Amino acid sequence: MANLVVDIGNTALKAAWTDSMTLGKTFRYQGEMIFDFIVSLTEKNRPEVLVVSSVSEISDKDRTRLEKECENLVIVDRKRTETLKRYGLPAWLTPDRAASVLASRYLFKGKGCTIVDFGTTMTIDFTDCDGNYLGGNISPGCRTRFKSINRYSRSLPLLDTPDSVERIGTSLVSSVESGIISGIIFEIKGYFDIFPDNIVVFTGGDAIYFAKRMKNSIFVVCNLVLMGLALIADGYVK
């Protein structure tokens, strides 16, 4: 595997070695020593291209450190948006969403896509059949909703995502569970109606959970963001 791609999200880091669009072993890290972890991945193998996307801005100090670990470094964050512009994407789009759009263009060429990423936030993005980015929305993710309803009320418990959900709550617990899970499902179905002919792509931690609860035909691509970053790395080499 020649290249290394890294996605620094809101709650965790994900990384993978890649060869063109083939993903090798993937890694996940949750902690404060993010750049120490990235460097640890390059100790035995020096990547030809290291692509790092981050929801927050990477400091010049950390950028300099990463440059020493690879032949070529590509950073995509709030400050460094040149790569997004090169692929015809708006500078305000977060790197993870941009990567998902790029991967969907590649996987479903000639098809419009509705891309739903179930993470700390739930993002919904749309492309047309030519791969043009049409826009998208952001709302709280599933776990974020469970935490918020507990934090901002005095009587509602903090619950885990349930294995099964009642259509209508018949207790305090099932009311919260059904309200959040059903609410997300209704929300997503509303987005399907905007572009009914689009391919629907789910990604993120809860992608499989919600795909099982949909009657629509859903493509679940768990490493969609890493695939998009692999495209960026491969494009840099070429």
C-alpha atoms as a PDB file:
ATOM      1  CA  MET A   1       0.000   0.000   0.000  1.00  0.00           C
ATOM      2  CA  ALA A   2       1.609   3.221  -1.201  1.00  0.00           C
ATOM      3  CA  ASN A   3      -0.553   5.949   0.305  1.00  0.00           C
ATOM      4  CA  LEU A   4      -1.987   6.731   3.727  1.00  0.00           C
ATOM      5  CA  VAL A   5      -5.307   8.553   4.203  1.00  0.00           C
ATOM      6  CA  VAL A   6      -6.513   9.989   7.507  1.00  0.00           C
ATOM      7  CA  ASP A   7      -9.877  11.453   8.460  1.00  0.00           C
ATOM      8  CA  ILE A   8      -9.928  13.445  11.716  1.00  0.00           C
ATOM      9  CA  GLY A   9     -13.578  13.766  12.700  1.00  0.00           C
ATOM     10  CA  ASN A  10     -15.476  15.262  15.615  1.00  0.00           C
ATOM     11  CA  THR A  11     -15.007  12.300  17.950  1.00  0.00           C
ATOM     12  CA  ALA A  12     -12.504   9.916  16.342  1.00  0.00           C
ATOM     13  CA  LEU A  13      -9.746   9.491  13.788  1.00  0.00           C
ATOM     14  CA  LYS A  14     -10.004   6.925  10.998  1.00  0.00           C
ATOM     15  CA  ALA A  15      -7.145   5.963   8.715  1.00  0.00           C
ATOM     16  CA  ALA A  16      -6.240   3.420   6.053  1.00  0.00           C
ATOM     17  CA  TRP A  17      -3.375   2.449   3.798  1.00  0.00           C
ATOM     18  CA  THR A  18      -4.440   2.591   0.150  1.00  0.00           C
ATOM     19  CA  ASP A  19      -3.306   1.518  -3.275  1.00  0.00           C
ATOM     20  CA  SER A  20      -5.276   3.512  -5.827  1.00  0.00           C
ATOM     21  CA  MET A  21      -8.887   2.885  -4.724  1.00  0.00           C
ATOM     22  CA  THR A  22      -8.102  -0.288  -2.778  1.00  0.00           C
ATOM     23  CA  LEU A  23      -8.244   0.161   0.980  1.00  0.00           C
ATOM     24  CA  GLY A  24      -5.933  -1.897   3.142  1.00  0.00           C
ATOM     25  CA  LYS A  25      -6.030  -2.222   6.906  1.00  0.00           C
ATOM     26  CA  THR A  26      -8.104   0.478   8.580  1.00  0.00           C
ATOM     27  CA  PHE A  27      -7.379   2.098  11.937  1.00  0.00           C
ATOM     28  CA  ARG A  28      -9.470   3.977  14.485  1.00  0.00           C
ATOM     29  CA  TYR A  29      -8.216   6.193  17.283  1.00  0.00           C
ATOM     30  CA  GLN A  30      -9.978   8.216  19.977  1.00  0.00           C
ATOM     31  CA  GLY A  31      -7.698  10.346  22.095  1.00  0.00           C
ATOM     32  CA  GLU A  32      -5.782  13.590  22.302  1.00  0.00           C
ATOM     33  CA  MET A  33      -2.467  12.409  20.804  1.00  0.00           C
ATOM     34  CA  ILE A  34      -3.767  12.471  17.246  1.00  0.00           C
ATOM     35  CA  PHE A  35      -0.561  13.375  15.472  1.00  0.00           C
ATOM     36  CA  ASP A  36       1.502  10.952  17.541  1.00  0.00           C
ATOM     37  CA  PHE A  37      -0.864   8.250  16.334  1.00  0.00           C
ATOM     38  CA  ILE A  38      -0.510   9.300  12.681  1.00  0.00           C
ATOM     39  CA  VAL A  39       3.278   9.286  12.985  1.00  0.00           C
ATOM     40  CA  SER A  40       3.137   5.808  14.527  1.00  0.00           C
ATOM     41  CA  LEU A  41       1.459   4.549  11.349  1.00  0.00           C
ATOM     42  CA  THR A  42       4.384   5.758   9.224  1.00  0.00           C
ATOM     43  CA  GLU A  43       7.191   4.285  11.349  1.00  0.00           C
ATOM     44  CA  LYS A  44       7.576   1.125   9.246  1.00  0.00           C
ATOM     45  CA  ASN A  45       6.293   2.438   5.907  1.00  0.00           C
ATOM     46  CA  ARG A  46       6.747   5.923   4.489  1.00  0.00           C
ATOM     47  CA  PRO A  47       3.703   6.828   2.375  1.00  0.00           C
ATOM     48  CA  GLU A  48       4.131   8.275  -1.082  1.00  0.00           C
ATOM     49  CA  VAL A  49       1.123  10.510  -0.444  1.00  0.00           C
ATOM     50  CA  LEU A  50      -0.340  11.289   2.963  1.00  0.00           C
ATOM     51  CA  VAL A  51      -3.821  12.838   2.789  1.00  0.00           C
ATOM     52  CA  VAL A  52      -5.178  14.268   6.034  1.00  0.00           C
ATOM     53  CA  SER A  53      -8.662  15.733   6.274  1.00  0.00           C
ATOM     54  CA  SER A  54      -9.750  17.411   9.469  1.00  0.00           C
ATOM     55  CA  VAL A  55     -12.899  19.103  10.725  1.00  0.00           C
ATOM     56  CA  SER A  56     -10.665  21.544  12.628  1.00  0.00           C
ATOM     57  CA  GLU A  57      -7.685  23.523  11.379  1.00  0.00           C
ATOM     58  CA  ILE A  58      -4.307  21.794  11.505  1.00  0.00           C
ATOM     59  CA  SER A  59      -1.548  24.003  12.925  1.00  0.00           C
ATOM     60  CA  ASP A  60       1.571  24.872  10.947  1.00  0.00           C
ATOM     61  CA  LYS A  61       3.616  23.023  13.575  1.00  0.00           C
ATOM     62  CA  ASP A  62       1.671  19.799  13.029  1.00  0.00           C
ATOM     63  CA  ARG A  63       1.780  20.286   9.261  1.00  0.00           C
ATOM     64  CA  THR A  64       5.583  20.554   9.369  1.00  0.00           C
ATOM     65  CA  ARG A  65       5.733  17.409  11.487  1.00  0.00           C
ATOM     66  CA  LEU A  66       3.595  15.468   9.010  1.00  0.00           C
ATOM     67  CA  GLU A  67       5.657  16.649   6.036  1.00  0.00           C
ATOM     68  CA  LYS A  68       8.639  14.777   7.463  1.00  0.00           C
ATOM     69  CA  GLU A  69       6.679  11.504   7.463  1.00  0.00           C
ATOM     70  CA  CYS A  70       5.825  11.260   3.752  1.00  0.00           C
ATOM     71  CA  GLU A  71       6.937  12.079   0.235  1.00  0.00           C
ATOM     72  CA  ASN A  72       3.919  14.305  -0.429  1.00  0.00           C
ATOM     73  CA  LEU A  73       1.422  15.800   2.026  1.00  0.00           C
ATOM     74  CA  VAL A  74      -2.116  16.912   1.205  1.00  0.00           C
ATOM     75  CA  ILE A  75      -4.128  18.598   3.964  1.00  0.00           C
ATOM     76  CA  VAL A  76      -7.791  19.459   3.649  1.00  0.00           C
ATOM     77  CA  ASP A  77      -9.212  21.509   6.511  1.00  0.00           C
ATOM     78  CA  ARG A  78     -11.077  24.763   7.103  1.00  0.00           C
ATOM     79  CA  LYS A  79      -8.041  26.795   6.043  1.00  0.00           C
ATOM     80  CA  ARG A  80      -6.693  24.651   3.198  1.00  0.00           C
ATOM     81  CA  THR A  81      -9.500  24.296   0.650  1.00  0.00           C
ATOM     82  CA  GLU A  82      -7.526  24.211  -2.605  1.00  0.00           C
ATOM     83  CA  THR A  83      -8.242  20.515  -3.088  1.00  0.00           C
ATOM     84  CA  LEU A  84     -11.994  21.060  -2.782  1.00  0.00           C
ATOM     85  CA  LYS A  85     -11.909  23.781  -5.416  1.00  0.00           C
ATOM     86  CA  ARG A  86      -9.885  21.524  -7.714  1.00  0.00           C
ATOM     87  CA  TYR A  87     -12.699  18.987  -7.628  1.00  0.00           C
ATOM     88  CA  GLY A  88     -15.401  21.589  -8.153  1.00  0.00           C
ATOM     89  CA  LEU A  89     -16.629  21.575  -4.557  1.00  0.00           C
ATOM     90  CA  PRO A  90     -17.397  24.667  -2.449  1.00  0.00           C
ATOM     91  CA  ALA A  91     -14.775  25.796   0.066  1.00  0.00           C
ATOM     92  CA  TRP A  92     -17.311  25.780   2.932  1.00  0.00           C
ATOM     93  CA  LEU A  93     -17.950  22.048   2.619  1.00  0.00           C
ATOM     94  CA  THR A  94     -16.331  20.077   5.453  1.00  0.00           C
ATOM     95  CA  PRO A  95     -13.590  17.672   4.268  1.00  0.00           C
ATOM     96  CA  ASP A  96     -15.429  14.508   5.311  1.00  0.00           C
ATOM     97  CA  ARG A  97     -18.553  15.499   3.395  1.00  0.00           C
ATOM     98  CA  ALA A  98     -16.428  16.453   0.392  1.00  0.00           C
ATOM     99  CA  ALA A  99     -14.697  13.073   0.458  1.00  0.00           C
ATOM    100  CA  SER A 100     -18.066  11.296   0.584  1.00  0.00           C
ATOM    101  CA  VAL A 101     -19.226  13.244  -2.467  1.00  0.00           C
ATOM    102  CA  LEU A 102     -16.055  12.351  -4.386  1.00  0.00           C
ATOM    103  CA  ALA A 103     -16.386   8.647  -3.530  1.00  0.00           C
ATOM    104  CA  SER A 104     -20.064   8.614  -4.527  1.00  0.00           C
ATOM    105  CA  ARG A 105     -19.213  10.228  -7.866  1.00  0.00           C
ATOM    106  CA  TYR A 106     -16.710   7.422  -8.453  1.00  0.00           C
ATOM    107  CA  LEU A 107     -18.891   4.529  -7.287  1.00  0.00           C
ATOM    108  CA  PHE A 108     -22.122   5.673  -8.941  1.00  0.00           C
ATOM    109  CA  LYS A 109     -20.934   7.491 -12.026  1.00  0.00           C
ATOM    110  CA  GLY A 110     -23.785   8.886 -14.086  1.00  0.00           C
ATOM    111  CA  LYS A 111     -26.229   8.697 -11.170  1.00  0.00           C
ATOM    112  CA  GLY A 112     -27.474  11.380  -8.836  1.00  0.00           C
ATOM    113  CA  CYS A 113     -26.813  10.551  -5.181  1.00  0.00           C
ATOM    114  CA  THR A 114     -28.376  11.304  -1.822  1.00  0.00           C
ATOM    115  CA  ILE A 115     -25.596  10.727   0.707  1.00  0.00           C
ATOM    116  CA  VAL A 116     -26.424  10.326   4.400  1.00  0.00           C
ATOM    117  CA  ASP A 117     -23.579  10.197   6.924  1.00  0.00           C
ATOM    118  CA  PHE A 118     -24.573   9.039  10.413  1.00  0.00           C
ATOM    119  CA  GLY A 119     -21.978  10.467  12.776  1.00  0.00           C
ATOM    120  CA  THR A 120     -21.824  12.966  15.624  1.00  0.00           C
ATOM    121  CA  THR A 121     -23.817  15.057  13.213  1.00  0.00           C
ATOM    122  CA  MET A 122     -26.076  13.640  10.534  1.00  0.00           C
ATOM    123  CA  THR A 123     -25.273  15.147   7.160  1.00  0.00           C
ATOM    124  CA  ILE A 124     -27.284  14.829   3.978  1.00  0.00           C
ATOM    125  CA  ASP A 125     -25.685  15.796   0.662  1.00  0.00           C
ATOM    126  CA  PHE A 126     -26.982  15.719  -2.905  1.00  0.00           C
ATOM    127  CA  THR A 127     -25.325  15.348  -6.309  1.00  0.00           C
ATOM    128  CA  ASP A 128     -26.871  15.242  -9.772  1.00  0.00           C
ATOM    129  CA  CYS A 129     -26.233  12.671 -12.507  1.00  0.00           C
ATOM    130  CA  ASP A 130     -23.218  14.665 -13.739  1.00  0.00           C
ATOM    131  CA  GLY A 131     -21.617  14.601 -10.303  1.00  0.00           C
ATOM    132  CA  ASN A 132     -22.323  18.258  -9.591  1.00  0.00           C
ATOM    133  CA  TYR A 133     -22.720  19.056  -5.902  1.00  0.00           C
ATOM    134  CA  LEU A 134     -26.174  20.522  -5.254  1.00  0.00           C
ATOM    135  CA  GLY A 135     -25.916  21.233  -1.520  1.00  0.00           C
ATOM    136  CA  GLY A 136     -26.874  19.551   1.721  1.00  0.00           C
ATOM    137  CA  ASN A 137     -28.013  19.832   5.301  1.00  0.00           C
ATOM    138  CA  ILE A 138     -26.707  19.139   8.803  1.00  0.00           C
ATOM    139  CA  SER A 139     -28.645  18.035  11.878  1.00  0.00           C
ATOM    140  CA  PRO A 140     -27.737  16.314  15.179  1.00  0.00           C
ATOM    141  CA  GLY A 141     -26.639  12.688  14.924  1.00  0.00           C
ATOM    142  CA  CYS A 142     -28.399   9.804  16.638  1.00  0.00           C
ATOM    143  CA  ARG A 143     -26.219   9.620  19.778  1.00  0.00           C
ATOM    144  CA  THR A 144     -26.103  13.419  19.929  1.00  0.00           C
ATOM    145  CA  ARG A 145     -29.902  13.477  20.088  1.00  0.00           C
ATOM    146  CA  PHE A 146     -29.991  10.961  22.941  1.00  0.00           C
ATOM    147  CA  LYS A 147     -27.406  12.989  24.869  1.00  0.00           C
ATOM    148  CA  SER A 148     -29.143  16.305  24.195  1.00  0.00           C
ATOM    149  CA  ILE A 149     -32.580  15.199  25.347  1.00  0.00           C
ATOM    150  CA  ASN A 150     -31.037  14.037  28.637  1.00  0.00           C
ATOM    151  CA  ARG A 151     -28.860  17.117  29.088  1.00  0.00           C
ATOM    152  CA  TYR A 152     -31.512  19.725  28.381  1.00  0.00           C
ATOM    153  CA  SER A 153     -34.352  18.169  30.372  1.00  0.00           C
ATOM    154  CA  ARG A 154     -34.706  17.422  34.072  1.00  0.00           C
ATOM    155  CA  SER A 155     -36.650  14.189  33.827  1.00  0.00           C
ATOM    156  CA  LEU A 156     -35.552  12.297  30.707  1.00  0.00           C
ATOM    157  CA  PRO A 157     -32.948   9.529  31.000  1.00  0.00           C
ATOM    158  CA  LEU A 158     -29.762   9.028  28.980  1.00  0.00           C
ATOM    159  CA  LEU A 159     -30.408   5.983  26.800  1.00  0.00           C
ATOM    160  CA  ASP A 160     -28.475   3.839  24.366  1.00  0.00           C
ATOM    161  CA  THR A 161     -29.582   3.227  20.795  1.00  0.00           C
ATOM    162  CA  PRO A 162     -32.201   0.459  21.127  1.00  0.00           C
ATOM    163  CA  ASP A 163     -32.112  -2.848  19.263  1.00  0.00           C
ATOM    164  CA  SER A 164     -35.833  -2.586  18.552  1.00  0.00           C
ATOM    165  CA  VAL A 165     -38.184   0.386  18.532  1.00  0.00           C
ATOM    166  CA  GLU A 166     -41.924   0.639  19.121  1.00  0.00           C
ATOM    167  CA  ARG A 167     -43.862   2.630  16.541  1.00  0.00           C
ATOM    168  CA  ILE A 168     -45.512   4.556  19.367  1.00  0.00           C
ATOM    169  CA  GLY A 169     -43.957   4.828  22.819  1.00  0.00           C
ATOM    170  CA  THR A 170     -45.846   3.181  25.673  1.00  0.00           C
ATOM    171  CA  SER A 171     -43.457   4.197  28.451  1.00  0.00           C
ATOM    172  CA  LEU A 172     -41.051   7.018  29.200  1.00  0.00           C
ATOM    173  CA  VAL A 173     -38.099   5.026  27.841  1.00  0.00           C
ATOM    174  CA  SER A 174     -39.849   3.785  24.698  1.00  0.00           C
ATOM    175  CA  SER A 175     -41.224   7.292  24.046  1.00  0.00           C
ATOM    176  CA  VAL A 176     -37.696   8.695  23.944  1.00  0.00           C
ATOM    177  CA  GLU A 177     -36.397   5.786  21.860  1.00  0.00           C
ATOM    178  CA  SER A 178     -39.238   5.918  19.357  1.00  0.00           C
ATOM    179  CA  GLY A 179     -39.210   9.700  19.200  1.00  0.00           C
ATOM    180  CA  ILE A 180     -35.535   9.871  18.290  1.00  0.00           C
ATOM    181  CA  ILE A 181     -35.235   6.833  16.007  1.00  0.00           C
ATOM    182  CA  SER A 182     -38.571   7.367  14.251  1.00  0.00           C
ATOM    183  CA  GLY A 183     -37.825  11.073  13.984  1.00  0.00           C
ATOM    184  CA  ILE A 184     -34.573  10.367  12.147  1.00  0.00           C
ATOM    185  CA  ILE A 185     -36.305   7.888   9.830  1.00  0.00           C
ATOM    186  CA  PHE A 186     -39.084  10.364   8.990  1.00  0.00           C
ATOM    187  CA  GLU A 187     -36.484  13.061   8.429  1.00  0.00           C
ATOM    188  CA  ILE A 188     -34.469  10.931   6.019  1.00  0.00           C
ATOM    189  CA  LYS A 189     -37.535   9.790   4.097  1.00  0.00           C
ATOM    190  CA  GLY A 190     -38.397  13.436   3.544  1.00  0.00           C
ATOM    191  CA  TYR A 191     -35.014  13.972   1.903  1.00  0.00           C
ATOM    192  CA  PHE A 192     -35.581  10.971  -0.372  1.00  0.00           C
ATOM    193  CA  ASP A 193     -38.632  12.744  -1.775  1.00  0.00           C
ATOM    194  CA  ILE A 194     -36.580  15.749  -2.923  1.00  0.00           C
ATOM    195  CA  PHE A 195     -34.687  13.684  -5.495  1.00  0.00           C
ATOM    196  CA  PRO A 196     -36.675  10.424  -5.786  1.00  0.00           C
ATOM    197  CA  ASP A 197     -34.526   9.050  -8.637  1.00  0.00           C
ATOM    198  CA  ASN A 198     -31.250   9.432  -6.733  1.00  0.00           C
ATOM    199  CA  ILE A 199     -29.119   6.527  -5.556  1.00  0.00           C
ATOM    200  CA  VAL A 200     -29.240   6.532  -1.730  1.00  0.00           C
ATOM    201  CA  VAL A 201     -25.906   6.005   0.031  1.00  0.00           C
ATOM    202  CA  PHE A 202     -25.564   5.527   3.788  1.00  0.00           C
ATOM    203  CA  THR A 203     -22.253   5.785   5.616  1.00  0.00           C
ATOM    204  CA  GLY A 204     -21.035   6.403   9.161  1.00  0.00           C
ATOM    205  CA  GLY A 205     -21.382   4.501  12.412  1.00  0.00           C
ATOM    206  CA  ASP A 206     -25.163   4.030  12.369  1.00  0.00           C
ATOM    207  CA  ALA A 207     -25.506   3.409   8.612  1.00  0.00           C
ATOM    208  CA  ILE A 208     -26.358  -0.298   8.876  1.00  0.00           C
ATOM    209  CA  TYR A 209     -28.693   0.302  11.831  1.00  0.00           C
ATOM    210  CA  PHE A 210     -30.862   2.711   9.842  1.00  0.00           C
ATOM    211  CA  ALA A 211     -30.529   0.934   6.495  1.00  0.00           C
ATOM    212  CA  LYS A 212     -32.214  -2.115   8.072  1.00  0.00           C
ATOM    213  CA  ARG A 213     -35.173   0.080   9.008  1.00  0.00           C
ATOM    214  CA  MET A 214     -35.720   1.535   5.533  1.00  0.00           C
ATOM    215  CA  LYS A 215     -37.964   0.085   2.839  1.00  0.00           C
ATOM    216  CA  ASN A 216     -35.992   1.940   0.165  1.00  0.00           C
ATOM    217  CA  SER A 217     -33.047   0.377  -1.647  1.00  0.00           C
ATOM    218  CA  ILE A 218     -29.969   1.584   0.243  1.00  0.00           C
ATOM    219  CA  PHE A 219     -26.269   1.262  -0.553  1.00  0.00           C
ATOM    220  CA  VAL A 220     -24.225   1.096   2.654  1.00  0.00           C
ATOM    221  CA  VAL A 221     -20.565   2.071   2.176  1.00  0.00           C
ATOM    222  CA  CYS A 222     -18.939   2.126   5.604  1.00  0.00           C
ATOM    223  CA  ASN A 223     -15.598   3.627   4.491  1.00  0.00           C
ATOM    224  CA  LEU A 224     -17.001   6.155   2.034  1.00  0.00           C
ATOM    225  CA  VAL A 225     -14.923   9.051   3.427  1.00  0.00           C
ATOM    226  CA  LEU A 226     -11.681   7.068   3.306  1.00  0.00           C
ATOM    227  CA  MET A 227     -12.477   6.058  -0.270  1.00  0.00           C
ATOM    228  CA  GLY A 228     -12.875   9.716  -1.204  1.00  0.00           C
ATOM    229  CA  LEU A 229      -9.538  10.547   0.395  1.00  0.00           C
ATOM    230  CA  ALA A 230      -7.991   7.620  -1.507  1.00  0.00           C
ATOM    231  CA  LEU A 231      -9.241   9.236  -4.724  1.00  0.00           C
ATOM    232  CA  ILE A 232      -7.506  12.473  -3.740  1.00  0.00           C
ATOM    233  CA  ALA A 233      -4.260  10.606  -3.028  1.00  0.00           C
ATOM    234  CA  ASP A 234      -4.462   8.679  -6.301  1.00  0.00           C
ATOM    235  CA  GLY A 235      -5.221  11.858  -8.222  1.00  0.00           C
ATOM    236  CA  TYR A 236      -2.171  13.549  -6.670  1.00  0.00           C
ATOM    237  CA  VAL A 237       0.082  10.708  -7.815  1.00  0.00           C
ATOM    238  CA  LYS A 238      -1.279  10.798 -11.365  1.00  0.00           C
END
